[in-house]
PDB file of N, CA and C in Angstrom:
ATOM      1  N   MET A   1     118.278 102.621 105.269  1.00  0.00           N
ATOM      2  CA  MET A   1     118.304 102.253 106.971  1.00  0.00           C
ATOM      3  C   MET A   1     117.863 100.789 106.689  1.00  0.00           C
ATOM      4  N   LYS A   2     118.450  99.817 107.276  1.00  0.00           N
ATOM      5  CA  LYS A   2     118.027  98.460 107.299  1.00  0.00           C
ATOM      6  C   LYS A   2     117.667  98.186 108.611  1.00  0.00           C
ATOM      7  N   LEU A   3     116.202  97.425 108.753  1.00  0.00           N
ATOM      8  CA  LEU A   3     115.996  96.959 110.184  1.00  0.00           C
ATOM      9  C   LEU A   3     116.617  95.865 110.779  1.00  0.00           C
ATOM     10  N   ASP A   4     117.209  95.805 111.691  1.00  0.00           N
ATOM     11  CA  ASP A   4     117.713  94.565 112.537  1.00  0.00           C
ATOM     12  C   ASP A   4     117.077  93.294 112.975  1.00  0.00           C
ATOM     13  N   ARG A   5     116.557  92.333 112.313  1.00  0.00           N
ATOM     14  CA  ARG A   5     115.698  91.526 112.702  1.00  0.00           C
ATOM     15  C   ARG A   5     116.387  90.589 113.461  1.00  0.00           C
ATOM     16  N   THR A   6     117.981  90.831 113.918  1.00  0.00           N
ATOM     17  CA  THR A   6     118.449  89.636 114.547  1.00  0.00           C
ATOM     18  C   THR A   6     118.178  89.792 116.406  1.00  0.00           C
ATOM     19  N   ILE A   7     117.763  90.987 116.541  1.00  0.00           N
ATOM     20  CA  ILE A   7     117.341  91.163 118.015  1.00  0.00           C
ATOM     21  C   ILE A   7     116.000  90.604 118.486  1.00  0.00           C
ATOM     22  N   LEU A   8     115.942  89.700 119.773  1.00  0.00           N
ATOM     23  CA  LEU A   8     114.501  89.639 119.921  1.00  0.00           C
ATOM     24  C   LEU A   8     114.891  89.066 121.162  1.00  0.00           C
ATOM     25  N   VAL A   9     114.172  89.750 122.162  1.00  0.00           N
ATOM     26  CA  VAL A   9     113.929  89.598 123.402  1.00  0.00           C
ATOM     27  C   VAL A   9     112.635  88.838 123.989  1.00  0.00           C
ATOM     28  N   MET A  10     112.470  87.687 124.780  1.00  0.00           N
ATOM     29  CA  MET A  10     111.426  87.454 125.010  1.00  0.00           C
ATOM     30  C   MET A  10     111.267  87.682 126.813  1.00  0.00           C
ATOM     31  N   GLU A  11     109.887  88.266 126.918  1.00  0.00           N
ATOM     32  CA  GLU A  11     109.822  88.755 128.533  1.00  0.00           C
ATOM     33  C   GLU A  11     108.594  88.060 129.109  1.00  0.00           C
ATOM     34  N   ASN A  12     108.532  87.527 130.242  1.00  0.00           N
ATOM     35  CA  ASN A  12     107.236  87.070 131.030  1.00  0.00           C
ATOM     36  C   ASN A  12     106.546  87.992 131.279  1.00  0.00           C
ATOM     37  N   GLN A  13     106.715  89.137 131.560  1.00  0.00           N
ATOM     38  CA  GLN A  13     105.461  90.330 132.526  1.00  0.00           C
ATOM     39  C   GLN A  13     105.769  91.229 131.365  1.00  0.00           C
ATOM     40  N   HIS A  14     104.599  92.121 131.452  1.00  0.00           N
ATOM     41  CA  HIS A  14     104.291  92.790 130.959  1.00  0.00           C
ATOM     42  C   HIS A  14     105.639  94.393 131.477  1.00  0.00           C
ATOM     43  N   ASN A  15     105.633  94.172 132.825  1.00  0.00           N
ATOM     44  CA  ASN A  15     106.532  95.403 133.274  1.00  0.00           C
ATOM     45  C   ASN A  15     107.955  94.817 133.101  1.00  0.00           C
ATOM     46  N   GLU A  16     108.255  93.862 133.066  1.00  0.00           N
ATOM     47  CA  GLU A  16     109.528  93.745 132.736  1.00  0.00           C
ATOM     48  C   GLU A  16     110.157  94.182 131.043  1.00  0.00           C
ATOM     49  N   ALA A  17     108.680  93.813 130.091  1.00  0.00           N
ATOM     50  CA  ALA A  17     108.742  94.229 128.924  1.00  0.00           C
ATOM     51  C   ALA A  17     109.119  95.558 128.988  1.00  0.00           C
ATOM     52  N   GLU A  18     108.382  96.437 129.480  1.00  0.00           N
ATOM     53  CA  GLU A  18     108.234  97.716 129.635  1.00  0.00           C
ATOM     54  C   GLU A  18     109.703  98.161 130.064  1.00  0.00           C
ATOM     55  N   ARG A  19     110.363  97.710 130.978  1.00  0.00           N
ATOM     56  CA  ARG A  19     111.728  98.235 131.891  1.00  0.00           C
ATOM     57  C   ARG A  19     112.672  98.158 130.554  1.00  0.00           C
ATOM     58  N   SER A  20     112.566  96.740 130.046  1.00  0.00           N
ATOM     59  CA  SER A  20     113.380  96.194 128.880  1.00  0.00           C
ATOM     60  C   SER A  20     113.440  97.354 127.658  1.00  0.00           C
ATOM     61  N   ASP A  21     112.174  97.315 127.435  1.00  0.00           N
ATOM     62  CA  ASP A  21     112.175  98.639 126.143  1.00  0.00           C
ATOM     63  C   ASP A  21     112.526  99.952 126.695  1.00  0.00           C
ATOM     64  N   LYS A  22     112.523 100.394 127.985  1.00  0.00           N
ATOM     65  CA  LYS A  22     113.201 101.764 128.176  1.00  0.00           C
ATOM     66  C   LYS A  22     114.574 101.698 128.205  1.00  0.00           C
ATOM     67  N   ARG A  23     115.405 100.429 128.605  1.00  0.00           N
ATOM     68  CA  ARG A  23     116.254 100.497 129.022  1.00  0.00           C
ATOM     69  C   ARG A  23     117.132 100.520 127.707  1.00  0.00           C
ATOM     70  N   TYR A  24     116.617  99.731 126.836  1.00  0.00           N
ATOM     71  CA  TYR A  24     116.924  99.791 125.145  1.00  0.00           C
ATOM     72  C   TYR A  24     117.195 101.386 124.718  1.00  0.00           C
ATOM     73  N   TRP A  25     116.328 102.117 124.887  1.00  0.00           N
ATOM     74  CA  TRP A  25     116.357 103.295 124.070  1.00  0.00           C
ATOM     75  C   TRP A  25     116.908 104.164 124.909  1.00  0.00           C
ATOM     76  N   GLU A  26     117.083 103.891 125.897  1.00  0.00           N
ATOM     77  CA  GLU A  26     118.177 104.845 127.127  1.00  0.00           C
ATOM     78  C   GLU A  26     119.571 104.945 126.471  1.00  0.00           C
ATOM     79  N   ALA A  27     119.604 103.461 125.878  1.00  0.00           N
ATOM     80  CA  ALA A  27     120.973 103.130 125.365  1.00  0.00           C
ATOM     81  C   ALA A  27     121.364 103.705 123.812  1.00  0.00           C
ATOM     82  N   LYS A  28     120.611 103.975 123.560  1.00  0.00           N
ATOM     83  CA  LYS A  28     120.542 104.809 122.160  1.00  0.00           C
ATOM     84  C   LYS A  28     120.670 106.049 121.997  1.00  0.00           C
ATOM     85  N   THR A  29     121.568 106.546 121.099  1.00  0.00           N
ATOM     86  CA  THR A  29     122.002 107.920 120.854  1.00  0.00           C
ATOM     87  C   THR A  29     120.649 108.959 120.671  1.00  0.00           C
ATOM     88  N   PRO A  30     120.389 110.041 120.986  1.00  0.00           N
ATOM     89  CA  PRO A  30     119.277 110.549 120.395  1.00  0.00           C
ATOM     90  C   PRO A  30     119.293 110.658 118.940  1.00  0.00           C
ATOM     91  N   MET A  31     120.390 110.382 117.743  1.00  0.00           N
ATOM     92  CA  MET A  31     120.156 110.241 116.375  1.00  0.00           C
ATOM     93  C   MET A  31     119.506 108.965 116.152  1.00  0.00           C
ATOM     94  N   GLU A  32     119.987 107.930 116.911  1.00  0.00           N
ATOM     95  CA  GLU A  32     119.335 106.435 116.880  1.00  0.00           C
ATOM     96  C   GLU A  32     117.760 106.822 116.713  1.00  0.00           C
ATOM     97  N   ARG A  33     117.435 107.384 118.134  1.00  0.00           N
ATOM     98  CA  ARG A  33     116.089 107.241 118.429  1.00  0.00           C
ATOM     99  C   ARG A  33     115.550 108.297 117.148  1.00  0.00           C
ATOM    100  N   PHE A  34     115.941 109.191 116.641  1.00  0.00           N
ATOM    101  CA  PHE A  34     115.513 110.109 115.709  1.00  0.00           C
ATOM    102  C   PHE A  34     114.825 109.198 114.742  1.00  0.00           C
ATOM    103  N   ARG A  35     116.497 108.312 114.028  1.00  0.00           N
ATOM    104  CA  ARG A  35     116.147 107.574 112.718  1.00  0.00           C
ATOM    105  C   ARG A  35     115.076 106.870 113.122  1.00  0.00           C
ATOM    106  N   ALA A  36     115.077 105.719 114.605  1.00  0.00           N
ATOM    107  CA  ALA A  36     113.960 104.963 114.598  1.00  0.00           C
ATOM    108  C   ALA A  36     112.344 105.420 114.231  1.00  0.00           C
ATOM    109  N   ILE A  37     112.266 106.642 114.824  1.00  0.00           N
ATOM    110  CA  ILE A  37     110.994 107.503 114.674  1.00  0.00           C
ATOM    111  C   ILE A  37     110.690 107.584 113.337  1.00  0.00           C
ATOM    112  N   GLN A  38     111.525 108.154 112.425  1.00  0.00           N
ATOM    113  CA  GLN A  38     111.429 108.321 111.018  1.00  0.00           C
ATOM    114  C   GLN A  38     110.944 107.251 109.984  1.00  0.00           C
ATOM    115  N   THR A  39     111.739 105.872 110.645  1.00  0.00           N
ATOM    116  CA  THR A  39     111.604 104.653 109.936  1.00  0.00           C
ATOM    117  C   THR A  39     110.007 103.824 110.228  1.00  0.00           C
ATOM    118  N   HIS A  40     109.667 104.335 111.558  1.00  0.00           N
ATOM    119  CA  HIS A  40     108.258 104.112 111.802  1.00  0.00           C
ATOM    120  C   HIS A  40     107.188 105.112 110.956  1.00  0.00           C
ATOM    121  N   ARG A  41     107.886 106.520 111.039  1.00  0.00           N
ATOM    122  CA  ARG A  41     106.532 107.519 110.157  1.00  0.00           C
ATOM    123  C   ARG A  41     106.557 106.946 108.729  1.00  0.00           C
ATOM    124  N   GLN A  42     107.830 106.344 108.237  1.00  0.00           N
ATOM    125  CA  GLN A  42     107.730 106.151 106.826  1.00  0.00           C
ATOM    126  C   GLN A  42     106.686 104.587 106.744  1.00  0.00           C
ATOM    127  N   ALA A  43     107.207 103.687 107.744  1.00  0.00           N
ATOM    128  CA  ALA A  43     105.953 102.700 107.038  1.00  0.00           C
ATOM    129  C   ALA A  43     104.717 102.951 107.422  1.00  0.00           C
ATOM    130  N   ALA A  44     104.313 104.013 108.538  1.00  0.00           N
ATOM    131  CA  ALA A  44     102.888 103.978 108.601  1.00  0.00           C
ATOM    132  C   ALA A  44     102.409 104.931 107.672  1.00  0.00           C
ATOM    133  N   TYR A  45     103.215 105.802 106.791  1.00  0.00           N
ATOM    134  CA  TYR A  45     102.495 106.866 106.441  1.00  0.00           C
ATOM    135  C   TYR A  45     103.280 106.942 104.959  1.00  0.00           C
ATOM    136  N   GLY A  46     104.176 105.878 104.362  1.00  0.00           N
ATOM    137  CA  GLY A  46     104.586 106.035 102.839  1.00  0.00           C
ATOM    138  C   GLY A  46     105.231 107.232 102.636  1.00  0.00           C
ATOM    139  N   ASN A  47     105.196 107.710 101.392  1.00  0.00           N
ATOM    140  CA  ASN A  47     105.807 109.126 101.388  1.00  0.00           C
ATOM    141  C   ASN A  47     105.323 110.291 101.548  1.00  0.00           C
ATOM    142  N   GLU A  48     103.883 110.265 102.464  1.00  0.00           N
ATOM    143  CA  GLU A  48     103.610 111.421 103.085  1.00  0.00           C
ATOM    144  C   GLU A  48     104.751 111.751 104.304  1.00  0.00           C
ATOM    145  N   ALA A  49     105.256 110.817 104.759  1.00  0.00           N
ATOM    146  CA  ALA A  49     106.355 111.006 106.020  1.00  0.00           C
ATOM    147  C   ALA A  49     107.323 111.775 105.702  1.00  0.00           C
ATOM    148  N   THR A  50     107.429 111.904 104.276  1.00  0.00           N
ATOM    149  CA  THR A  50     108.928 112.750 104.222  1.00  0.00           C
ATOM    150  C   THR A  50     108.874 114.387 104.403  1.00  0.00           C
ATOM    151  N   ARG A  51     107.562 114.788 104.492  1.00  0.00           N
ATOM    152  CA  ARG A  51     107.445 115.921 104.823  1.00  0.00           C
ATOM    153  C   ARG A  51     107.649 116.194 106.152  1.00  0.00           C
ATOM    154  N   ARG A  52     108.328 117.673 106.493  1.00  0.00           N
ATOM    155  CA  ARG A  52     108.530 117.867 108.111  1.00  0.00           C
ATOM    156  C   ARG A  52     107.558 117.442 109.181  1.00  0.00           C
ATOM    157  N   LEU A  53     107.821 117.342 110.108  1.00  0.00           N
ATOM    158  CA  LEU A  53     106.555 117.144 111.535  1.00  0.00           C
ATOM    159  C   LEU A  53     106.433 118.726 111.732  1.00  0.00           C
ATOM    160  N   GLN A  54     104.981 118.071 111.990  1.00  0.00           N
ATOM    161  CA  GLN A  54     104.183 119.701 112.317  1.00  0.00           C
ATOM    162  C   GLN A  54     104.443 120.031 113.591  1.00  0.00           C
ATOM    163  N   ARG A  55     104.496 121.202 113.897  1.00  0.00           N
ATOM    164  CA  ARG A  55     104.953 121.792 115.137  1.00  0.00           C
ATOM    165  C   ARG A  55     103.085 122.360 115.757  1.00  0.00           C
ATOM    166  N   ILE A  56     102.922 121.924 116.945  1.00  0.00           N
ATOM    167  CA  ILE A  56     101.886 122.045 117.495  1.00  0.00           C
ATOM    168  C   ILE A  56     101.986 122.823 118.626  1.00  0.00           C
ATOM    169  N   LEU A  57     100.913 124.095 118.924  1.00  0.00           N
ATOM    170  CA  LEU A  57     101.237 124.913 119.879  1.00  0.00           C
ATOM    171  C   LEU A  57     100.071 124.854 120.557  1.00  0.00           C
ATOM    172  N   GLU A  58      99.866 124.321 121.933  1.00  0.00           N
ATOM    173  CA  GLU A  58      98.524 124.647 122.450  1.00  0.00           C
ATOM    174  C   GLU A  58      98.812 125.815 123.760  1.00  0.00           C
ATOM    175  N   VAL A  59      97.968 126.594 124.020  1.00  0.00           N
ATOM    176  CA  VAL A  59      97.625 127.351 125.116  1.00  0.00           C
ATOM    177  C   VAL A  59      96.967 126.928 126.125  1.00  0.00           C
ATOM    178  N   ALA A  60      97.305 126.710 127.277  1.00  0.00           N
ATOM    179  CA  ALA A  60      96.777 126.749 128.245  1.00  0.00           C
ATOM    180  C   ALA A  60      96.308 127.766 129.576  1.00  0.00           C
ATOM    181  N   GLU A  61      95.336 127.644 130.158  1.00  0.00           N
ATOM    182  CA  GLU A  61      95.282 129.058 130.762  1.00  0.00           C
ATOM    183  C   GLU A  61      95.173 128.363 132.395  1.00  0.00           C
ATOM    184  N   ARG A  62      95.514 129.377 133.099  1.00  0.00           N
ATOM    185  CA  ARG A  62      95.774 128.780 134.509  1.00  0.00           C
ATOM    186  C   ARG A  62      94.294 129.214 134.991  1.00  0.00           C
ATOM    187  N   THR A  63      93.788 128.180 135.916  1.00  0.00           N
ATOM    188  CA  THR A  63      92.665 128.569 136.401  1.00  0.00           C
ATOM    189  C   THR A  63      92.873 128.632 138.168  1.00  0.00           C
TER     190      THR A  63
END
């Protein structure tokens, strides 16, 4: 998978940038979002990222 470096959007305000990011990712298919996560995992963890994602279960007690 190649990274598309031709897309660049300049935003003036932090909130505008967040809204722009949200619109961008909402326009992507679930598979495109998953592939982007995989790309980031591989960039951060290298070959260790090829393993499966861990499932984490946390039990919360009601009080």
